[in-house]
Amino acid sequence: MSVANDKKIEKAKRREERTRKEQQEKRRLRIISIIVIVVLAVLISGAVFINSKYIRRSLTAISVGGVNFSAAEFDFFYNSTASEYSEYMTSQLGDYASAYLPTSGKSHASQIYDPETGETWADFFTAYTIEKVSSQVQYYNSAKANGFTMPDEAREAIDNEIDTYKLYADMYGISLDTFIQTYIGVNLNEKVIRNVLEFIYTASSYAESVRDSFTYTDQEIAACYAENKESMDSITYRYFLVYKETVSESDYETHEEYDEANASALEEASAIAAEIITRVNSEEDFINEAREYDPETYLRDGSTLRTYPGSWLSSDYKEWLLDENREYGDVFTADMSNGTYVVLFINRDPNEYRMVSMNQILISRQELDMDDYEEGASDPVYLEAFKLVDDAAKANAEDVMNLFVEGGATKEKLIELMADHSDDTAPEGYYDLISKNSANNKMVAEIEEWLFAPERQVGDYKLIRTEDYGYHLVYFDGFGDRYCDYLADTKLRDADYSAWEEGLAPVEAVKHWAYIFRSN
């Protein structure tokens, strides 16, 4: 074979090898492309899965005592806890509550709750939520262990709650789930809320059934009250504070001078209070003295009047009020850091009267904006405007009263008229377990006086005007237990219920990986 042929063969082999390598490289690139496409598809589908609501609603985010909750379900508890806390603080502090609450519109995780520890509001609410859920899980687990079934009325309450959401959804012209996700929780839907409510109602219904299961003899109840009469007896008294004149430390060169001025201001307030009680010879005198001292605060006769159980009394005058030798009309002064209290004893009630129940139709007055009147409640323009709205409410109430009487003056007729005429929000305008004591369902003085009149009988009715609300068509529905027995029974029941709670099996909260998908 010639050299030329050898070269040709070698050249052909190199060309063939190069072609083979090029084809291999093309196959490798094609495989890589396929792999990349598959991986991207997996990543994209995974991201869609993770960002979908499915994982938040279906996978366990946290287990408490063996009961599993999804991220969405825990969000429901969290949002409820935060809302309840906000409502409580607002009820206690009014306009000042905002200073003690997280700023709305910003995430709780971005706001500090405790500057010393660095704890955020999200940390605070999460811990609080787990604590509340843990208690409910203890009830729930005990209910399941004892074969408890949620009662029909509880299931009806769940349906009513869902129906309320549906009503609002219809009002806004949106679906139920859209309403839930917009106004309750972005990851929630009807199914999730039903699951949560069934858990809550099962736990609470069982706990209530346990509390109701305790029984006590008349002797046990009487003995309990006798042992606790100091804290259970109702004390009625009047009081007002003679304020110490404000003393500013910045007005004095030394702390000693400030202390002297402050002590002098306290002595002056005490002297004023001591002088006031020399002029008090009756309850009417006390009312007039309070009004003269502070006309705005003590404008109404009832402004100084209080009825509290002994356990609620301030330690500054508690011992004096509870003295068994105390008599109607006795007066007393109690020095405080901000002034001196003037106190008048009215009576001590052993609470042997029977509680009562009632139904009412409330016809409210049109509200007036006090900011429109320079002199407040004493402004002549306000008084004239108030008379107009009061007269209008009275005329409306008298019309309703006539319809009630013409219809037989029965409880059924009263309830029938409520739909179109009552501003009361209580179901059927019904109030039960009414006592004279502010600790339990107390009514305003005007209604209370009528309810507890000695001659009162079931079926009695009256149109009653109250200064605070308007006109009330009140129907006397019946008598209940003696209030003293109710208080003793409650104390015994509280003790037994607490003992039952303490005996429940402890539970532990365990977070799972899906916990990271909570929205809070």
Protein backbone atom coordinates (compact mmCIF):
# COMPACT_ATOMS: atom_id res chain seq x y z
CA MET A 1 0.00 0.00 0.00
CA SER A 2 1.41 3.37 -0.94
CA VAL A 3 2.13 6.19 1.43
CA ALA A 4 -0.53 8.31 -0.29
CA ASN A 5 -3.21 5.75 0.43
CA ASP A 6 -2.15 5.55 4.05
CA LYS A 7 -2.55 9.28 4.43
CA LYS A 8 -6.00 9.15 2.87
CA ILE A 9 -7.09 6.40 5.27
CA GLU A 10 -5.71 8.27 8.30
CA LYS A 11 -7.46 11.45 7.21
CA ALA A 12 -10.77 9.58 6.79
CA LYS A 13 -10.40 8.06 10.26
CA ARG A 14 -9.82 11.51 11.81
CA ARG A 15 -12.87 12.88 9.99
CA GLU A 16 -14.98 9.96 11.19
CA GLU A 17 -13.74 10.41 14.79
CA ARG A 18 -14.52 14.13 14.67
CA THR A 19 -18.01 13.41 13.36
CA ARG A 20 -18.56 10.86 16.11
CA LYS A 21 -17.45 13.33 18.82
CA GLU A 22 -19.69 16.06 17.41
CA GLN A 23 -22.67 13.71 17.51
CA GLN A 24 -21.84 12.73 21.12
CA GLU A 25 -21.64 16.40 22.12
CA LYS A 26 -24.99 17.11 20.50
CA ARG A 27 -26.56 14.16 22.37
CA ARG A 28 -25.00 15.39 25.65
CA LEU A 29 -26.35 18.89 25.14
CA ARG A 30 -29.76 17.50 24.25
CA ILE A 31 -29.80 15.41 27.45
CA ILE A 32 -28.71 18.40 29.54
CA SER A 33 -31.46 20.50 27.97
CA ILE A 34 -34.03 17.85 28.80
CA ILE A 35 -32.76 17.61 32.39
CA VAL A 36 -32.88 21.41 32.79
CA ILE A 37 -36.40 21.54 31.44
CA VAL A 38 -37.50 18.74 33.80
CA VAL A 39 -35.82 20.39 36.81
CA LEU A 40 -37.38 23.74 35.98
CA ALA A 41 -40.77 22.10 35.64
CA VAL A 42 -40.33 20.44 39.04
CA LEU A 43 -39.19 23.70 40.64
CA ILE A 44 -42.04 25.67 39.11
CA SER A 45 -44.65 23.11 40.12
CA GLY A 46 -43.10 22.95 43.60
CA ALA A 47 -43.24 26.72 43.95
CA VAL A 48 -46.86 26.72 42.85
CA PHE A 49 -47.58 23.96 45.37
CA ILE A 50 -45.79 25.78 48.18
CA ASN A 51 -47.47 29.07 47.36
CA SER A 52 -50.86 27.49 47.03
CA LYS A 53 -53.34 27.41 49.91
CA TYR A 54 -53.41 23.60 49.83
CA ILE A 55 -50.27 23.19 51.91
CA ARG A 56 -51.47 25.79 54.42
CA ARG A 57 -54.82 24.08 54.83
CA SER A 58 -53.88 20.42 54.67
CA LEU A 59 -50.47 19.74 56.18
CA THR A 60 -49.87 19.74 59.93
CA ALA A 61 -48.13 22.91 61.09
CA ILE A 62 -48.36 22.36 64.83
CA SER A 63 -49.50 19.50 67.05
CA VAL A 64 -50.82 20.21 70.53
CA GLY A 65 -51.41 17.24 72.79
CA GLY A 66 -51.70 14.99 69.74
CA VAL A 67 -54.27 17.21 68.01
CA ASN A 68 -53.01 18.44 64.64
CA PHE A 69 -53.60 21.94 63.26
CA SER A 70 -52.73 23.26 59.83
CA ALA A 71 -51.09 26.65 59.31
CA ALA A 72 -54.47 28.07 58.26
CA GLU A 73 -56.17 26.68 61.36
CA PHE A 74 -53.49 28.10 63.62
CA ASP A 75 -53.87 31.45 61.81
CA PHE A 76 -57.54 31.40 62.77
CA PHE A 77 -56.67 30.95 66.45
CA TYR A 78 -53.92 33.57 66.23
CA ASN A 79 -56.16 36.17 64.60
CA SER A 80 -58.92 35.50 67.14
CA THR A 81 -56.47 35.89 70.02
CA ALA A 82 -55.06 39.15 68.67
CA SER A 83 -58.56 40.53 68.07
CA GLU A 84 -59.81 39.54 71.54
CA TYR A 85 -56.73 41.10 73.15
CA SER A 86 -57.26 44.34 71.24
CA GLU A 87 -60.95 44.48 72.20
CA TYR A 88 -60.10 43.85 75.86
CA MET A 89 -57.45 46.57 75.99
CA THR A 90 -59.78 49.03 74.26
CA SER A 91 -62.57 48.24 76.74
CA GLN A 92 -60.17 48.88 79.62
CA LEU A 93 -58.22 51.88 78.33
CA GLY A 94 -60.46 53.48 75.71
CA ASP A 95 -58.57 55.98 73.54
CA TYR A 96 -55.31 55.22 75.37
CA ALA A 97 -55.33 51.57 74.27
CA SER A 98 -53.48 52.28 71.02
CA ALA A 99 -50.31 53.01 73.01
CA TYR A 100 -50.37 49.43 74.31
CA LEU A 101 -51.25 47.67 71.07
CA PRO A 102 -49.36 46.92 67.84
CA THR A 103 -49.80 49.38 64.98
CA SER A 104 -52.45 48.21 62.53
CA GLY A 105 -51.37 47.71 58.95
CA LYS A 106 -47.87 46.53 59.94
CA SER A 107 -46.82 42.93 60.52
CA HIS A 108 -46.66 41.86 64.15
CA ALA A 109 -43.22 40.34 63.53
CA SER A 110 -41.82 43.79 62.69
CA GLN A 111 -43.01 45.40 65.92
CA ILE A 112 -41.38 45.04 69.33
CA TYR A 113 -43.57 44.05 72.26
CA ASP A 114 -40.90 43.99 74.97
CA PRO A 115 -37.87 46.22 74.34
CA GLU A 116 -35.89 44.54 77.13
CA THR A 117 -36.14 41.03 75.66
CA GLY A 118 -36.67 41.92 72.01
CA GLU A 119 -39.89 39.91 71.97
CA THR A 120 -42.11 40.94 69.07
CA TRP A 121 -45.87 41.21 69.03
CA ALA A 122 -45.89 38.09 66.85
CA ASP A 123 -43.93 36.25 69.57
CA PHE A 124 -46.35 37.48 72.23
CA PHE A 125 -49.53 36.57 70.36
CA THR A 126 -48.11 33.21 69.23
CA ALA A 127 -47.25 32.20 72.81
CA TYR A 128 -50.62 33.44 74.03
CA THR A 129 -52.41 31.55 71.25
CA ILE A 130 -50.57 28.29 72.01
CA GLU A 131 -51.47 28.69 75.69
CA LYS A 132 -55.17 29.14 74.88
CA VAL A 133 -55.24 26.31 72.34
CA SER A 134 -53.47 24.02 74.82
CA SER A 135 -56.28 24.52 77.35
CA GLN A 136 -58.87 23.76 74.69
CA VAL A 137 -56.97 20.65 73.63
CA GLN A 138 -57.01 19.41 77.24
CA TYR A 139 -60.81 19.75 77.27
CA TYR A 140 -61.08 18.22 73.79
CA ASN A 141 -58.92 15.20 74.61
CA SER A 142 -60.85 14.61 77.82
CA ALA A 143 -64.12 14.88 75.90
CA LYS A 144 -62.98 12.28 73.36
CA ALA A 145 -61.66 9.96 76.06
CA ASN A 146 -65.03 10.08 77.82
CA GLY A 147 -67.10 9.54 74.67
CA PHE A 148 -68.58 13.05 74.72
CA THR A 149 -70.50 14.14 71.64
CA MET A 150 -70.99 17.76 70.76
CA PRO A 151 -74.63 18.66 71.56
CA ASP A 152 -77.10 19.68 68.86
CA GLU A 153 -77.30 23.26 70.15
CA ALA A 154 -73.53 23.62 69.70
CA ARG A 155 -73.73 22.33 66.12
CA GLU A 156 -76.61 24.74 65.54
CA ALA A 157 -74.42 27.56 66.84
CA ILE A 158 -71.74 26.63 64.32
CA ASP A 159 -74.28 26.68 61.49
CA ASN A 160 -75.54 30.05 62.67
CA GLU A 161 -72.01 31.45 62.65
CA ILE A 162 -71.40 30.21 59.10
CA ASP A 163 -74.81 31.55 58.07
CA THR A 164 -73.79 34.97 59.40
CA TYR A 165 -70.70 34.88 57.16
CA LYS A 166 -72.92 33.89 54.22
CA LEU A 167 -75.23 36.81 54.95
CA TYR A 168 -72.34 39.26 54.83
CA ALA A 169 -70.97 37.61 51.68
CA ASP A 170 -74.35 38.07 49.98
CA MET A 171 -74.44 41.71 51.10
CA TYR A 172 -71.05 42.30 49.46
CA GLY A 173 -72.00 40.28 46.40
CA ILE A 174 -69.11 37.81 46.77
CA SER A 175 -68.74 34.11 47.48
CA LEU A 176 -68.54 32.79 51.03
CA ASP A 177 -64.90 31.71 50.68
CA THR A 178 -63.96 35.08 49.18
CA PHE A 179 -65.57 36.84 52.14
CA ILE A 180 -63.76 34.54 54.58
CA GLN A 181 -60.38 35.07 52.91
CA THR A 182 -60.89 38.84 52.70
CA TYR A 183 -62.21 39.57 56.18
CA ILE A 184 -61.20 36.63 58.40
CA GLY A 185 -58.02 35.01 57.07
CA VAL A 186 -56.38 34.85 53.66
CA ASN A 187 -55.76 31.08 53.84
CA LEU A 188 -59.12 30.10 55.31
CA ASN A 189 -62.26 28.70 53.73
CA GLU A 190 -65.58 27.35 54.99
CA LYS A 191 -64.20 23.84 55.52
CA VAL A 192 -61.28 25.05 57.63
CA ILE A 193 -63.52 27.27 59.75
CA ARG A 194 -66.02 24.46 60.32
CA ASN A 195 -63.20 22.16 61.45
CA VAL A 196 -61.91 24.79 63.87
CA LEU A 197 -65.37 25.60 65.22
CA GLU A 198 -66.18 21.92 65.76
CA PHE A 199 -62.98 21.58 67.78
CA ILE A 200 -63.76 24.72 69.82
CA TYR A 201 -67.40 23.87 70.48
CA THR A 202 -66.62 20.28 71.39
CA ALA A 203 -64.02 21.45 73.92
CA SER A 204 -66.14 24.24 75.40
CA SER A 205 -69.37 22.21 75.50
CA TYR A 206 -67.60 19.41 77.35
CA ALA A 207 -66.00 21.80 79.84
CA GLU A 208 -69.40 23.40 80.44
CA SER A 209 -71.01 19.99 80.99
CA VAL A 210 -68.35 19.14 83.57
CA ARG A 211 -68.92 22.41 85.40
CA ASP A 212 -72.69 21.83 85.38
CA SER A 213 -72.28 18.29 86.72
CA PHE A 214 -71.21 19.35 90.22
CA THR A 215 -74.00 19.26 92.83
CA TYR A 216 -74.25 20.70 96.34
CA THR A 217 -76.67 20.33 99.23
CA ASP A 218 -78.49 23.28 100.75
CA GLN A 219 -76.35 22.83 103.86
CA GLU A 220 -73.11 23.04 101.85
CA ILE A 221 -74.31 26.19 100.09
CA ALA A 222 -75.39 27.85 103.36
CA ALA A 223 -72.09 26.96 105.02
CA CYS A 224 -70.08 28.35 102.11
CA TYR A 225 -71.86 31.70 102.26
CA ALA A 226 -71.48 31.92 106.05
CA GLU A 227 -67.74 31.31 105.72
CA ASN A 228 -67.36 33.98 103.02
CA LYS A 229 -69.92 36.63 104.00
CA GLU A 230 -67.21 39.30 104.33
CA SER A 231 -66.45 38.99 100.63
CA MET A 232 -69.97 38.09 99.41
CA ASP A 233 -72.24 40.54 101.24
CA SER A 234 -73.21 43.49 99.05
CA ILE A 235 -72.19 46.88 100.42
CA THR A 236 -74.04 49.96 99.20
CA TYR A 237 -72.34 53.28 99.81
CA ARG A 238 -71.64 56.68 98.33
CA TYR A 239 -68.21 58.21 97.85
CA PHE A 240 -66.29 60.93 96.08
CA LEU A 241 -62.71 62.10 96.02
CA VAL A 242 -61.51 65.50 97.22
CA TYR A 243 -58.51 65.92 94.94
CA LYS A 244 -55.11 67.03 96.13
CA GLU A 245 -53.97 70.19 94.36
CA THR A 246 -51.40 69.30 91.70
CA VAL A 247 -47.84 69.98 92.81
CA SER A 248 -45.09 70.03 90.19
CA GLU A 249 -41.57 69.09 91.31
CA SER A 250 -40.10 71.43 88.68
CA ASP A 251 -41.48 74.39 90.64
CA TYR A 252 -39.18 73.69 93.59
CA GLU A 253 -35.43 73.96 93.98
CA THR A 254 -34.99 70.92 96.20
CA HIS A 255 -36.72 67.59 96.60
CA GLU A 256 -37.33 68.39 100.26
CA GLU A 257 -39.26 71.54 99.32
CA TYR A 258 -41.33 69.53 96.84
CA ASP A 259 -42.13 66.89 99.50
CA GLU A 260 -43.23 69.61 101.91
CA ALA A 261 -45.49 71.23 99.31
CA ASN A 262 -46.97 67.86 98.35
CA ALA A 263 -47.64 66.98 101.99
CA SER A 264 -49.24 70.38 102.50
CA ALA A 265 -51.54 69.81 99.49
CA LEU A 266 -52.58 66.45 100.91
CA GLU A 267 -53.29 68.01 104.30
CA GLU A 268 -55.42 70.66 102.62
CA ALA A 269 -57.48 68.02 100.75
CA SER A 270 -57.92 66.10 104.02
CA ALA A 271 -59.04 69.28 105.80
CA ILE A 272 -61.60 70.02 103.08
CA ALA A 273 -62.97 66.46 103.35
CA ALA A 274 -63.14 66.73 107.16
CA GLU A 275 -65.10 69.97 106.85
CA ILE A 276 -67.48 68.43 104.30
CA ILE A 277 -68.51 65.55 106.58
CA THR A 278 -69.48 68.03 109.33
CA ARG A 279 -72.22 69.25 106.97
CA VAL A 280 -73.48 65.77 106.03
CA ASN A 281 -76.49 64.73 108.08
CA SER A 282 -78.31 62.75 105.40
CA GLU A 283 -77.83 61.04 102.06
CA GLU A 284 -79.30 64.11 100.35
CA ASP A 285 -76.67 66.29 102.07
CA PHE A 286 -73.93 63.99 100.75
CA ILE A 287 -75.26 64.20 97.18
CA ASN A 288 -75.41 67.99 97.37
CA GLU A 289 -71.90 68.28 98.84
CA ALA A 290 -70.45 66.10 96.08
CA ARG A 291 -72.25 68.11 93.41
CA GLU A 292 -71.09 71.41 94.87
CA TYR A 293 -67.49 70.18 95.05
CA ASP A 294 -67.42 68.88 91.43
CA PRO A 295 -70.62 69.84 89.52
CA GLU A 296 -69.59 68.11 86.30
CA THR A 297 -68.51 64.73 87.70
CA TYR A 298 -71.30 64.46 90.26
CA LEU A 299 -74.12 66.11 88.33
CA ARG A 300 -76.50 63.15 88.70
CA ASP A 301 -77.81 61.81 92.00
CA GLY A 302 -76.44 58.36 91.23
CA SER A 303 -72.93 59.53 90.35
CA THR A 304 -71.56 58.75 93.81
CA LEU A 305 -73.60 55.57 94.41
CA ARG A 306 -71.93 52.16 94.41
CA THR A 307 -73.00 48.60 95.32
CA TYR A 308 -70.14 46.11 95.43
CA PRO A 309 -69.45 42.75 97.08
CA GLY A 310 -67.05 43.00 99.99
CA SER A 311 -64.27 41.45 97.92
CA TRP A 312 -64.39 44.38 95.50
CA LEU A 313 -64.02 47.15 98.05
CA SER A 314 -60.94 49.32 98.14
CA SER A 315 -58.60 48.48 101.00
CA ASP A 316 -58.62 52.19 101.92
CA TYR A 317 -62.15 52.00 103.31
CA LYS A 318 -63.02 48.28 103.18
CA GLU A 319 -62.51 47.61 106.88
CA TRP A 320 -64.62 50.61 107.84
CA LEU A 321 -67.50 49.63 105.53
CA LEU A 322 -67.49 45.99 106.69
CA ASP A 323 -67.63 46.86 110.38
CA GLU A 324 -70.73 45.02 111.69
CA ASN A 325 -71.59 48.05 113.82
CA ARG A 326 -71.83 50.29 110.77
CA GLU A 327 -75.17 52.13 110.45
CA TYR A 328 -76.96 54.00 107.69
CA GLY A 329 -75.64 57.55 107.34
CA ASP A 330 -72.22 56.97 108.92
CA VAL A 331 -69.52 59.04 107.19
CA PHE A 332 -65.79 58.51 106.91
CA THR A 333 -62.72 60.01 105.25
CA ALA A 334 -59.81 58.02 103.83
CA ASP A 335 -56.56 59.75 102.89
CA MET A 336 -55.02 58.72 99.58
CA SER A 337 -51.89 59.69 97.66
CA ASN A 338 -53.99 61.86 95.35
CA GLY A 339 -56.50 63.27 97.83
CA THR A 340 -59.09 62.17 100.38
CA TYR A 341 -62.16 60.01 99.90
CA VAL A 342 -65.41 61.03 101.55
CA VAL A 343 -67.53 57.91 102.18
CA LEU A 344 -71.14 57.47 103.35
CA PHE A 345 -72.43 54.02 104.39
CA ILE A 346 -75.94 53.07 103.21
CA ASN A 347 -76.41 49.36 103.92
CA ARG A 348 -74.97 45.84 103.98
CA ASP A 349 -77.11 43.27 102.18
CA PRO A 350 -76.75 39.51 102.90
CA ASN A 351 -78.22 38.92 99.42
CA GLU A 352 -81.15 36.80 100.53
CA TYR A 353 -83.45 38.23 97.86
CA ARG A 354 -84.37 36.24 94.74
CA MET A 355 -82.86 37.07 91.37
CA VAL A 356 -85.26 37.94 88.57
CA SER A 357 -85.62 37.77 84.80
CA MET A 358 -87.23 40.17 82.32
CA ASN A 359 -87.86 40.94 78.67
CA GLN A 360 -87.80 44.43 77.26
CA ILE A 361 -88.33 46.57 74.19
CA LEU A 362 -85.87 49.46 74.14
CA ILE A 363 -86.73 52.67 72.34
CA SER A 364 -83.53 54.71 72.29
CA ARG A 365 -83.23 58.45 71.98
CA GLN A 366 -81.43 59.88 68.99
CA GLU A 367 -77.81 60.42 70.03
CA LEU A 368 -76.47 63.95 70.41
CA ASP A 369 -72.83 64.87 69.83
CA MET A 370 -71.61 66.53 73.02
CA ASP A 371 -68.81 68.23 71.08
CA ASP A 372 -71.48 70.48 69.58
CA TYR A 373 -72.25 72.06 72.96
CA GLU A 374 -69.75 74.38 74.62
CA GLU A 375 -71.04 73.91 78.17
CA GLY A 376 -71.60 70.18 77.89
CA ALA A 377 -74.62 68.65 79.63
CA SER A 378 -75.47 71.97 81.30
CA ASP A 379 -75.55 73.91 78.03
CA PRO A 380 -79.08 75.39 77.51
CA VAL A 381 -78.86 74.52 73.81
CA TYR A 382 -78.05 70.93 74.69
CA LEU A 383 -80.88 70.73 77.21
CA GLU A 384 -83.32 71.96 74.58
CA ALA A 385 -82.03 69.48 71.98
CA PHE A 386 -82.13 66.66 74.54
CA LYS A 387 -85.77 67.45 75.34
CA LEU A 388 -86.67 67.22 71.66
CA VAL A 389 -85.10 63.79 71.15
CA ASP A 390 -86.48 62.61 74.49
CA ASP A 391 -90.01 63.69 73.56
CA ALA A 392 -89.70 61.91 70.21
CA ALA A 393 -88.55 58.68 71.89
CA LYS A 394 -91.36 58.96 74.45
CA ALA A 395 -94.02 59.36 71.76
CA ASN A 396 -92.64 56.34 69.90
CA ALA A 397 -92.54 54.29 73.12
CA GLU A 398 -96.13 55.18 73.99
CA ASP A 399 -97.26 54.01 70.54
CA VAL A 400 -95.48 50.69 71.08
CA MET A 401 -97.01 50.43 74.55
CA ASN A 402 -100.49 50.86 73.08
CA LEU A 403 -99.84 48.11 70.52
CA PHE A 404 -98.61 45.85 73.32
CA VAL A 405 -101.67 46.44 75.50
CA GLU A 406 -104.09 46.08 72.59
CA GLY A 407 -102.40 42.74 71.76
CA GLY A 408 -103.11 41.34 75.22
CA ALA A 409 -100.00 42.58 77.08
CA THR A 410 -98.42 39.13 76.90
CA LYS A 411 -94.79 38.13 76.66
CA GLU A 412 -95.49 36.68 73.22
CA LYS A 413 -96.87 40.02 72.01
CA LEU A 414 -93.84 41.84 73.40
CA ILE A 415 -91.47 39.53 71.51
CA GLU A 416 -93.55 39.91 68.35
CA LEU A 417 -93.22 43.72 68.51
CA MET A 418 -89.45 43.59 69.00
CA ALA A 419 -88.63 42.94 65.37
CA ASP A 420 -89.89 46.36 64.27
CA HIS A 421 -89.60 48.47 67.39
CA SER A 422 -86.74 47.47 69.70
CA ASP A 423 -83.15 48.74 69.79
CA ASP A 424 -82.15 46.05 72.27
CA THR A 425 -79.61 43.56 70.92
CA ALA A 426 -80.28 40.74 73.42
CA PRO A 427 -82.20 37.77 71.91
CA GLU A 428 -85.91 38.39 72.60
CA GLY A 429 -84.79 41.26 74.85
CA TYR A 430 -84.33 38.65 77.56
CA TYR A 431 -82.22 39.13 80.70
CA ASP A 432 -81.80 36.37 83.28
CA LEU A 433 -80.15 36.10 86.71
CA ILE A 434 -80.55 39.80 87.35
CA SER A 435 -79.27 40.87 90.75
CA LYS A 436 -79.01 44.14 92.61
CA ASN A 437 -75.26 43.75 92.61
CA SER A 438 -73.12 45.15 89.81
CA ALA A 439 -71.14 41.90 89.75
CA ASN A 440 -73.96 40.12 87.97
CA ASN A 441 -76.22 41.47 85.21
CA LYS A 442 -77.07 44.68 87.00
CA MET A 443 -79.77 46.88 85.51
CA VAL A 444 -79.81 50.68 85.57
CA ALA A 445 -81.28 52.12 88.78
CA GLU A 446 -84.64 53.09 87.29
CA ILE A 447 -85.35 49.53 86.07
CA GLU A 448 -83.80 47.85 89.12
CA GLU A 449 -86.06 49.79 91.48
CA TRP A 450 -89.14 48.52 89.64
CA LEU A 451 -87.89 44.93 89.25
CA PHE A 452 -87.16 44.46 92.94
CA ALA A 453 -90.24 46.17 94.35
CA PRO A 454 -91.84 43.87 96.99
CA GLU A 455 -95.14 43.72 95.14
CA ARG A 456 -93.65 42.62 91.80
CA GLN A 457 -95.35 39.63 90.13
CA VAL A 458 -94.81 37.61 86.95
CA GLY A 459 -96.62 39.29 84.07
CA ASP A 460 -96.25 42.84 85.40
CA TYR A 461 -95.14 45.40 82.84
CA LYS A 462 -94.27 49.08 82.72
CA LEU A 463 -92.88 51.75 80.41
CA ILE A 464 -89.78 53.05 82.21
CA ARG A 465 -87.71 56.09 81.27
CA THR A 466 -83.97 55.94 81.95
CA GLU A 467 -81.60 58.87 81.80
CA ASP A 468 -78.91 56.92 79.98
CA TYR A 469 -80.81 54.97 77.33
CA GLY A 470 -84.34 56.12 76.62
CA TYR A 471 -87.63 54.28 77.16
CA HIS A 472 -87.96 50.63 78.14
CA LEU A 473 -91.15 48.58 77.89
CA VAL A 474 -90.28 46.02 80.57
CA TYR A 475 -92.06 42.70 81.16
CA PHE A 476 -91.41 40.87 84.44
CA ASP A 477 -90.69 37.28 83.42
CA GLY A 478 -89.99 35.46 86.68
CA PHE A 479 -88.03 34.78 89.87
CA GLY A 480 -84.84 32.76 90.21
CA ASP A 481 -82.71 31.45 93.07
CA ARG A 482 -81.71 33.53 96.05
CA TYR A 483 -78.68 35.60 95.16
CA CYS A 484 -76.76 34.43 98.26
CA ASP A 485 -77.27 30.80 97.18
CA TYR A 486 -76.17 31.64 93.64
CA LEU A 487 -72.95 33.25 94.93
CA ALA A 488 -72.12 30.32 97.22
CA ASP A 489 -72.92 27.77 94.53
CA THR A 490 -70.67 29.67 92.10
CA LYS A 491 -67.78 29.72 94.57
CA LEU A 492 -68.06 25.97 95.25
CA ARG A 493 -68.41 25.24 91.54
CA ASP A 494 -65.39 27.41 90.67
CA ALA A 495 -63.25 25.53 93.18
CA ASP A 496 -64.32 22.09 91.90
CA TYR A 497 -63.91 23.14 88.28
CA SER A 498 -60.41 24.47 88.94
CA ALA A 499 -59.50 21.19 90.63
CA TRP A 500 -60.80 19.30 87.58
CA GLU A 501 -58.75 21.51 85.25
CA GLU A 502 -55.60 20.94 87.29
CA GLY A 503 -56.15 17.19 87.02
CA LEU A 504 -56.26 17.18 83.21
CA ALA A 505 -53.36 15.57 81.38
CA PRO A 506 -50.73 18.15 80.39
CA VAL A 507 -50.16 18.76 76.69
CA GLU A 508 -47.14 19.82 74.67
CA ALA A 509 -47.01 21.88 71.49
CA VAL A 510 -44.77 20.54 68.69
CA LYS A 511 -44.11 22.61 65.56
CA HIS A 512 -43.67 20.86 62.20
CA TRP A 513 -41.97 22.08 59.04
CA ALA A 514 -45.28 23.35 57.58
CA TYR A 515 -45.41 25.85 60.48
CA ILE A 516 -43.28 28.20 58.33
CA PHE A 517 -46.30 28.70 56.05
CA ARG A 518 -48.32 30.61 58.65
CA SER A 519 -49.36 34.03 57.39
CA ASN A 520 -48.54 35.77 60.68
